[in-house]
Amino acid sequence: TSAGDGTYENPKDTIAGGVSTAGVDGVIFVQEQTGSGGTYDEKVTLLNGQTLTSSVTGNGGFSYTTTNKPKVTNTSQAGSEAVINLASGNTVNRLDVTARNCSSCWGIYSTGATTTVISNNTITTSGASGWGVFNVSNGGASTVSGNTITTSGASSYGVYNVFNTAASTVSGNTITTSGASWGVYNVFNGAASTVSGNTITTSGGANGYGVYNVSNTAASTVSGNTITTSGGANGYGVYNISNTAASTVSGNTITTSGASSYGVYNRSNTAASTVSGNTITTTDAGGGGVTGILDIQATCREVVGNNINATGNAIDITDVGKIANVAIGGEVAGLSPGGSSANTTNGGTVSVTSATGLGVGASCL
């Protein structure tokens, strides 16, 4: 039932009841649940333009925020659905969302939507392919910011953006995955994507990439993040492959510790790339070498001002590019394309091949 008239003094007892009463473009203020074990147990489907929040500000400066984030789950949740399902123009703010432990059971889901904002929530999933936030085929800008997202099933990405045609921003989140899962997954998007200021930690299996950008046709920026991967092979910090627009990886602190777990991996991209101002540390607990930056592509790129501690090569880069002010183990190496410079600190070396006609300080961007 949905007892009450939906006022603060006489609230509905389900979120669905509040959604229905508020209508299109309405605001649903979610109080902490006092019954049902302190949790709203239901599937939530919003209407266009609605805001679902536990913190409101009204006329005359009135504001109210619940002591704790209201808890929302759905113990009847089936596969390929979310606890909270968005329409267009929605905001979901400051809730504690937990998906059922089942395959493809997601936290918050948006498809075919215009502008959406998902902010300051705590989102937890535990089943295989249990994505924390899933944005697909949206035609309006999406923002995922200030959330704490934890996933523990295989292929359970923290944030999954795919086939979107408007800009996406993932910023200021704390994302933790522990089941061979990726922190942020951007693929087949046709508009600019920004991943900035997040703390991303992946562990527990192979291929636990921090940020994964693949086959996007608009510019991507990965900046100011703290990215840590561990627990398996191929846990790349940032993985850019087969993108057709410029990519920038800058100002990040990236630490990886699995076999072939490169700090930054650029491959088969057809537009310019920049890797600058990062601090990258790579190790392999099994004793093998791991490259800090691996760059295999035929386009121009810049690798400038990074600080790299690597048990393998600090940088492997091929074809045309610019390399300058690269700090390896705290030292600065000025390099000429076509040559290599060994550095005994941490065994780091730099390998540059086929950088035709460009010396240090040259630029093709």
Protein backbone atom coordinates (compact mmCIF):
# COMPACT_ATOMS: atom_id res chain seq x y z
CA THR A 1 0.00 0.00 0.00
CA SER A 2 0.97 3.68 -0.18
CA ALA A 3 -0.70 5.10 2.91
CA GLY A 4 -0.71 8.84 3.42
CA ASP A 5 -1.17 11.74 1.06
CA GLY A 6 2.53 12.25 0.33
CA THR A 7 3.06 15.28 2.56
CA TYR A 8 5.96 15.52 4.99
CA GLU A 9 3.58 15.02 7.90
CA ASN A 10 1.71 12.12 6.27
CA PRO A 11 4.12 10.46 3.80
CA LYS A 12 3.61 7.59 1.43
CA ASP A 13 5.07 4.36 2.73
CA THR A 14 6.64 3.33 -0.58
CA ILE A 15 8.83 5.21 -3.03
CA ALA A 16 6.58 4.04 -5.85
CA GLY A 17 3.69 5.76 -4.11
CA GLY A 18 5.69 8.97 -3.97
CA VAL A 19 6.60 8.68 -7.65
CA SER A 20 2.95 8.36 -8.62
CA THR A 21 1.81 11.25 -6.45
CA ALA A 22 4.64 13.63 -7.43
CA GLY A 23 4.06 13.11 -11.16
CA VAL A 24 6.22 14.31 -14.05
CA ASP A 25 8.91 16.84 -13.01
CA GLY A 26 8.11 16.25 -9.34
CA VAL A 27 10.47 15.90 -6.38
CA ILE A 28 10.27 12.82 -4.18
CA PHE A 29 11.86 13.34 -0.78
CA VAL A 30 12.80 9.97 0.69
CA GLN A 31 12.79 9.72 4.47
CA GLU A 32 14.52 6.91 6.32
CA GLN A 33 12.29 3.86 6.41
CA THR A 34 11.13 3.00 9.95
CA GLY A 35 9.41 -0.27 9.05
CA SER A 36 10.40 -3.21 6.83
CA GLY A 37 13.72 -3.59 8.60
CA GLY A 38 14.66 0.01 7.82
CA THR A 39 14.77 -0.61 4.05
CA TYR A 40 12.50 0.23 1.12
CA ASP A 41 12.12 -3.13 -0.63
CA GLU A 42 10.77 -2.37 -4.10
CA LYS A 43 11.60 -1.73 -7.73
CA VAL A 44 11.67 2.01 -8.38
CA THR A 45 10.84 3.40 -11.83
CA LEU A 46 10.91 7.18 -12.15
CA LEU A 47 8.87 9.42 -14.44
CA ASN A 48 10.38 12.08 -16.70
CA GLY A 49 11.95 15.03 -14.91
CA GLN A 50 11.66 13.60 -11.41
CA THR A 51 14.20 14.05 -8.62
CA LEU A 52 14.61 11.31 -6.02
CA THR A 53 16.56 12.57 -3.02
CA SER A 54 17.02 12.52 0.74
CA SER A 55 18.18 16.14 0.90
CA VAL A 56 15.93 19.05 -0.07
CA THR A 57 15.98 22.82 0.05
CA GLY A 58 12.72 24.72 -0.12
CA ASN A 59 11.49 28.29 -0.31
CA GLY A 60 12.75 30.69 2.31
CA GLY A 61 15.93 28.74 2.86
CA PHE A 62 14.25 25.72 4.42
CA SER A 63 16.36 22.59 4.06
CA TYR A 64 16.24 19.08 5.39
CA THR A 65 18.63 16.13 5.05
CA THR A 66 18.06 12.73 6.60
CA THR A 67 20.54 11.58 9.22
CA ASN A 68 21.45 8.51 7.17
CA LYS A 69 20.97 7.72 3.52
CA PRO A 70 17.66 5.88 3.11
CA LYS A 71 18.20 2.23 2.14
CA VAL A 72 16.64 0.92 -1.06
CA THR A 73 16.78 -2.65 -2.35
CA ASN A 74 14.62 -5.10 -4.26
CA THR A 75 14.64 -8.67 -2.98
CA SER A 76 12.42 -9.64 -5.93
CA GLN A 77 14.87 -8.19 -8.45
CA ALA A 78 15.32 -10.28 -11.61
CA GLY A 79 18.23 -10.33 -14.02
CA SER A 80 18.70 -7.45 -16.48
CA GLU A 81 16.96 -4.92 -14.30
CA ALA A 82 17.96 -2.35 -11.70
CA VAL A 83 16.79 -1.33 -8.27
CA ILE A 84 16.25 2.22 -9.56
CA ASN A 85 15.29 2.72 -13.22
CA LEU A 86 15.50 6.18 -14.76
CA ALA A 87 13.41 7.97 -17.38
CA SER A 88 14.61 11.27 -18.90
CA GLY A 89 15.84 14.29 -16.97
CA ASN A 90 16.12 12.48 -13.63
CA THR A 91 18.30 13.14 -10.59
CA VAL A 92 18.97 10.45 -7.98
CA ASN A 93 20.73 11.86 -4.94
CA ARG A 94 21.92 10.57 -1.58
CA LEU A 95 20.40 7.09 -1.35
CA ASP A 96 21.87 3.76 -0.22
CA VAL A 97 21.08 1.36 -3.08
CA THR A 98 21.80 -2.39 -2.87
CA ALA A 99 21.12 -4.78 -5.73
CA ARG A 100 20.07 -8.37 -5.16
CA ASN A 101 22.82 -11.00 -5.50
CA CYS A 102 21.83 -12.22 -8.95
CA SER A 103 23.30 -12.12 -12.44
CA SER A 104 22.88 -8.79 -14.28
CA CYS A 105 21.19 -7.17 -11.30
CA TRP A 106 22.19 -3.50 -11.43
CA GLY A 107 22.07 -0.61 -9.01
CA ILE A 108 20.86 2.32 -11.16
CA TYR A 109 19.93 2.04 -14.85
CA SER A 110 19.33 4.66 -17.51
CA THR A 111 18.54 4.04 -21.18
CA GLY A 112 17.31 6.32 -23.95
CA ALA A 113 17.30 9.25 -21.56
CA THR A 114 18.02 12.95 -21.76
CA THR A 115 20.07 14.62 -19.02
CA THR A 116 20.57 12.49 -15.89
CA VAL A 117 22.41 13.12 -12.63
CA ILE A 118 23.40 10.34 -10.21
CA SER A 119 25.11 11.89 -7.20
CA ASN A 120 26.21 11.21 -3.62
CA ASN A 121 24.72 7.71 -3.45
CA THR A 122 26.09 4.52 -1.97
CA ILE A 123 25.63 1.72 -4.51
CA THR A 124 26.44 -1.94 -3.88
CA THR A 125 26.14 -4.97 -6.18
CA SER A 126 27.34 -8.54 -5.67
CA GLY A 127 26.19 -10.67 -8.64
CA ALA A 128 27.99 -11.35 -11.92
CA SER A 129 27.59 -8.43 -14.37
CA GLY A 130 26.05 -6.49 -11.50
CA TRP A 131 26.95 -3.00 -12.69
CA GLY A 132 26.71 -0.20 -10.17
CA VAL A 133 25.55 2.44 -12.68
CA PHE A 134 24.52 1.42 -16.21
CA ASN A 135 24.02 4.17 -18.81
CA VAL A 136 23.15 2.94 -22.32
CA SER A 137 21.97 4.69 -25.49
CA ASN A 138 21.28 7.97 -23.76
CA GLY A 139 20.83 11.09 -25.87
CA GLY A 140 21.41 13.63 -23.11
CA ALA A 141 24.36 14.43 -20.88
CA SER A 142 24.92 12.08 -17.94
CA THR A 143 26.73 12.91 -14.71
CA VAL A 144 27.81 10.33 -12.13
CA SER A 145 29.47 12.16 -9.24
CA GLY A 146 30.30 11.81 -5.58
CA ASN A 147 29.05 8.25 -5.27
CA THR A 148 30.55 5.32 -3.38
CA ILE A 149 30.20 2.29 -5.65
CA THR A 150 31.20 -1.24 -4.62
CA THR A 151 30.85 -4.33 -6.80
CA SER A 152 32.07 -7.87 -6.12
CA GLY A 153 30.82 -10.13 -8.93
CA ALA A 154 32.65 -11.11 -12.12
CA SER A 155 32.43 -8.42 -14.83
CA SER A 156 30.63 -6.13 -12.42
CA TYR A 157 31.76 -2.69 -13.56
CA GLY A 158 31.44 0.27 -11.26
CA VAL A 159 30.14 2.60 -14.01
CA TYR A 160 29.23 1.28 -17.48
CA ASN A 161 28.65 3.83 -20.27
CA VAL A 162 27.83 2.39 -23.72
CA PHE A 163 26.29 3.68 -26.99
CA ASN A 164 25.64 7.14 -25.56
CA THR A 165 25.43 10.10 -27.95
CA ALA A 166 25.83 12.93 -25.43
CA ALA A 167 28.63 13.85 -23.07
CA SER A 168 29.25 11.74 -19.97
CA THR A 169 31.06 12.76 -16.79
CA VAL A 170 32.21 10.39 -14.05
CA SER A 171 33.79 12.47 -11.28
CA GLY A 172 34.60 12.41 -7.60
CA ASN A 173 33.43 8.85 -7.03
CA THR A 174 34.99 6.12 -4.91
CA ILE A 175 34.74 2.95 -6.99
CA THR A 176 35.86 -0.46 -5.68
CA THR A 177 35.55 -3.71 -7.64
CA SER A 178 36.77 -7.12 -6.51
CA GLY A 179 35.63 -9.70 -9.05
CA ALA A 180 37.69 -9.35 -12.25
CA SER A 181 35.77 -6.15 -12.93
CA TRP A 182 36.54 -2.71 -14.29
CA GLY A 183 36.13 0.56 -12.47
CA VAL A 184 34.79 2.70 -15.35
CA TYR A 185 33.88 1.19 -18.74
CA ASN A 186 33.32 3.56 -21.69
CA VAL A 187 32.64 1.85 -25.02
CA PHE A 188 31.03 2.79 -28.35
CA ASN A 189 30.15 6.29 -27.16
CA GLY A 190 29.68 9.08 -29.70
CA ALA A 191 30.23 12.08 -27.43
CA ALA A 192 33.00 13.30 -25.15
CA SER A 193 33.64 11.39 -21.94
CA THR A 194 35.41 12.66 -18.83
CA VAL A 195 36.62 10.51 -15.95
CA SER A 196 38.12 12.79 -13.32
CA GLY A 197 38.92 12.99 -9.62
CA ASN A 198 37.83 9.45 -8.82
CA THR A 199 39.44 6.91 -6.51
CA ILE A 200 39.27 3.61 -8.39
CA THR A 201 40.45 0.31 -6.91
CA THR A 202 40.15 -3.05 -8.68
CA SER A 203 41.25 -6.43 -7.35
CA GLY A 204 40.39 -10.09 -7.22
CA GLY A 205 41.01 -11.37 -10.73
CA ALA A 206 42.46 -10.90 -14.20
CA ASN A 207 41.51 -7.94 -16.40
CA GLY A 208 40.57 -5.63 -13.56
CA TYR A 209 41.11 -2.42 -15.52
CA GLY A 210 40.81 0.91 -13.76
CA VAL A 211 39.43 2.88 -16.74
CA TYR A 212 38.55 1.14 -20.02
CA ASN A 213 37.96 3.28 -23.14
CA VAL A 214 37.25 1.29 -26.31
CA SER A 215 35.86 2.14 -29.76
CA ASN A 216 34.69 5.63 -28.83
CA THR A 217 34.29 8.23 -31.57
CA ALA A 218 34.63 11.38 -29.45
CA ALA A 219 37.37 12.76 -27.22
CA SER A 220 38.07 11.11 -23.89
CA THR A 221 39.79 12.59 -20.84
CA VAL A 222 41.06 10.66 -17.83
CA SER A 223 42.48 13.12 -15.32
CA GLY A 224 43.24 13.57 -11.65
CA ASN A 225 42.24 10.06 -10.62
CA THR A 226 43.88 7.72 -8.14
CA ILE A 227 43.80 4.28 -9.79
CA THR A 228 45.03 1.09 -8.13
CA THR A 229 44.78 -2.38 -9.68
CA SER A 230 45.93 -5.66 -8.14
CA GLY A 231 45.17 -9.33 -7.81
CA GLY A 232 45.54 -10.59 -11.36
CA ALA A 233 47.11 -10.29 -14.79
CA ASN A 234 46.22 -7.50 -17.24
CA GLY A 235 44.94 -5.10 -14.60
CA TYR A 236 45.76 -2.01 -16.65
CA GLY A 237 45.39 1.36 -15.00
CA VAL A 238 44.03 3.08 -18.13
CA TYR A 239 43.27 1.13 -21.32
CA ASN A 240 42.61 3.05 -24.57
CA ILE A 241 42.07 0.94 -27.67
CA SER A 242 40.49 1.41 -31.11
CA ASN A 243 39.27 4.94 -30.39
CA THR A 244 38.92 7.39 -33.30
CA ALA A 245 39.13 10.68 -31.38
CA ALA A 246 41.80 12.34 -29.24
CA SER A 247 42.51 10.92 -25.79
CA THR A 248 44.15 12.59 -22.80
CA VAL A 249 45.48 10.84 -19.70
CA SER A 250 46.82 13.46 -17.32
CA GLY A 251 47.59 14.11 -13.67
CA ASN A 252 46.65 10.65 -12.45
CA THR A 253 48.32 8.50 -9.78
CA ILE A 254 48.32 4.96 -11.18
CA THR A 255 49.58 1.87 -9.33
CA THR A 256 49.38 -1.64 -10.79
CA SER A 257 50.75 -4.91 -9.43
CA GLY A 258 49.83 -7.84 -11.69
CA ALA A 259 51.52 -9.55 -14.64
CA SER A 260 51.22 -7.40 -17.80
CA SER A 261 49.36 -4.78 -15.76
CA TYR A 262 50.49 -1.69 -17.63
CA GLY A 263 49.96 1.72 -16.13
CA VAL A 264 48.65 3.21 -19.41
CA TYR A 265 48.02 1.11 -22.52
CA ASN A 266 47.26 2.84 -25.85
CA ARG A 267 46.71 0.60 -28.86
CA SER A 268 45.17 0.86 -32.35
CA ASN A 269 43.80 4.36 -31.81
CA THR A 270 43.55 6.56 -34.90
CA ALA A 271 43.72 10.02 -33.31
CA ALA A 272 46.29 11.90 -31.26
CA SER A 273 46.90 10.92 -27.64
CA THR A 274 48.52 12.72 -24.73
CA VAL A 275 49.89 11.09 -21.56
CA SER A 276 51.17 13.81 -19.24
CA GLY A 277 51.89 14.62 -15.62
CA ASN A 278 51.04 11.18 -14.27
CA THR A 279 52.74 9.25 -11.47
CA ILE A 280 52.86 5.60 -12.52
CA THR A 281 54.14 2.64 -10.50
CA THR A 282 54.03 -0.91 -11.90
CA THR A 283 55.19 -4.15 -10.27
CA ASP A 284 54.66 -7.86 -10.74
CA ALA A 285 54.53 -9.98 -7.61
CA GLY A 286 55.66 -12.94 -9.71
CA GLY A 287 58.96 -11.25 -10.47
CA GLY A 288 58.30 -10.30 -14.10
CA GLY A 289 58.70 -6.85 -15.61
CA VAL A 290 55.74 -4.56 -16.23
CA THR A 291 55.80 -1.55 -18.56
CA GLY A 292 54.65 1.79 -17.20
CA ILE A 293 53.32 3.18 -20.51
CA LEU A 294 52.78 0.93 -23.53
CA ASP A 295 51.89 2.85 -26.70
CA ILE A 296 51.38 0.91 -29.92
CA GLN A 297 49.66 2.93 -32.61
CA ALA A 298 50.36 4.78 -35.83
CA THR A 299 49.22 8.24 -34.79
CA CYS A 300 50.94 11.14 -33.12
CA ARG A 301 51.19 11.13 -29.34
CA GLU A 302 52.85 13.05 -26.57
CA VAL A 303 54.30 11.50 -23.42
CA VAL A 304 55.38 14.43 -21.27
CA GLY A 305 56.31 15.04 -17.65
CA ASN A 306 55.38 11.67 -16.18
CA ASN A 307 57.04 10.10 -13.15
CA ILE A 308 57.40 6.36 -13.70
CA ASN A 309 58.63 3.55 -11.48
CA ALA A 310 58.48 0.30 -13.47
CA THR A 311 59.92 -3.17 -12.97
CA GLY A 312 59.99 -3.51 -16.76
CA ASN A 313 60.28 -0.78 -19.37
CA ALA A 314 59.16 2.62 -18.20
CA ILE A 315 57.90 3.42 -21.69
CA ASP A 316 57.47 1.37 -24.85
CA ILE A 317 56.40 3.63 -27.71
CA THR A 318 56.40 3.11 -31.47
CA ASP A 319 55.94 5.28 -34.56
CA VAL A 320 55.62 9.07 -34.61
CA GLY A 321 55.57 10.94 -31.32
CA LYS A 322 57.05 13.39 -28.88
CA ILE A 323 58.73 12.40 -25.62
CA ALA A 324 60.06 14.98 -23.19
CA ASN A 325 60.71 15.49 -19.49
CA VAL A 326 60.06 11.89 -18.56
CA ALA A 327 61.06 11.11 -14.98
CA ILE A 328 62.04 7.49 -14.40
CA GLY A 329 62.62 6.60 -10.79
CA GLY A 330 62.87 10.30 -10.04
CA GLU A 331 65.42 11.12 -12.75
CA VAL A 332 64.81 13.08 -15.95
CA ALA A 333 65.77 11.58 -19.29
CA GLY A 334 65.97 13.70 -22.44
CA LEU A 335 65.47 11.25 -25.28
CA SER A 336 65.83 11.28 -29.02
CA PRO A 337 63.26 9.23 -30.93
CA GLY A 338 64.83 6.23 -32.54
CA GLY A 339 67.10 5.57 -29.56
CA SER A 340 66.73 4.23 -26.05
CA SER A 341 68.02 5.28 -22.67
CA ALA A 342 68.63 2.84 -19.83
CA ASN A 343 68.09 3.89 -16.24
CA THR A 344 69.28 1.60 -13.45
CA THR A 345 66.78 2.90 -10.90
CA ASN A 346 64.18 0.12 -10.56
CA GLY A 347 65.46 -1.38 -13.80
CA GLY A 348 63.49 1.14 -15.85
CA THR A 349 64.29 1.59 -19.54
CA VAL A 350 62.76 3.61 -22.32
CA SER A 351 62.32 2.17 -25.80
CA VAL A 352 61.41 4.44 -28.72
CA THR A 353 61.24 3.09 -32.27
CA SER A 354 60.40 4.53 -35.69
CA ALA A 355 59.80 8.07 -34.52
CA THR A 356 60.59 9.47 -37.92
CA GLY A 357 61.96 12.98 -38.19
CA LEU A 358 61.10 14.27 -34.72
CA GLY A 359 63.54 15.19 -32.00
CA VAL A 360 62.93 15.96 -28.34
CA GLY A 361 60.73 19.02 -28.00
CA ALA A 362 59.08 18.56 -31.38
CA SER A 363 55.34 18.23 -31.54
CA CYS A 364 52.94 16.81 -34.08
CA LEU A 365 49.76 17.61 -32.19
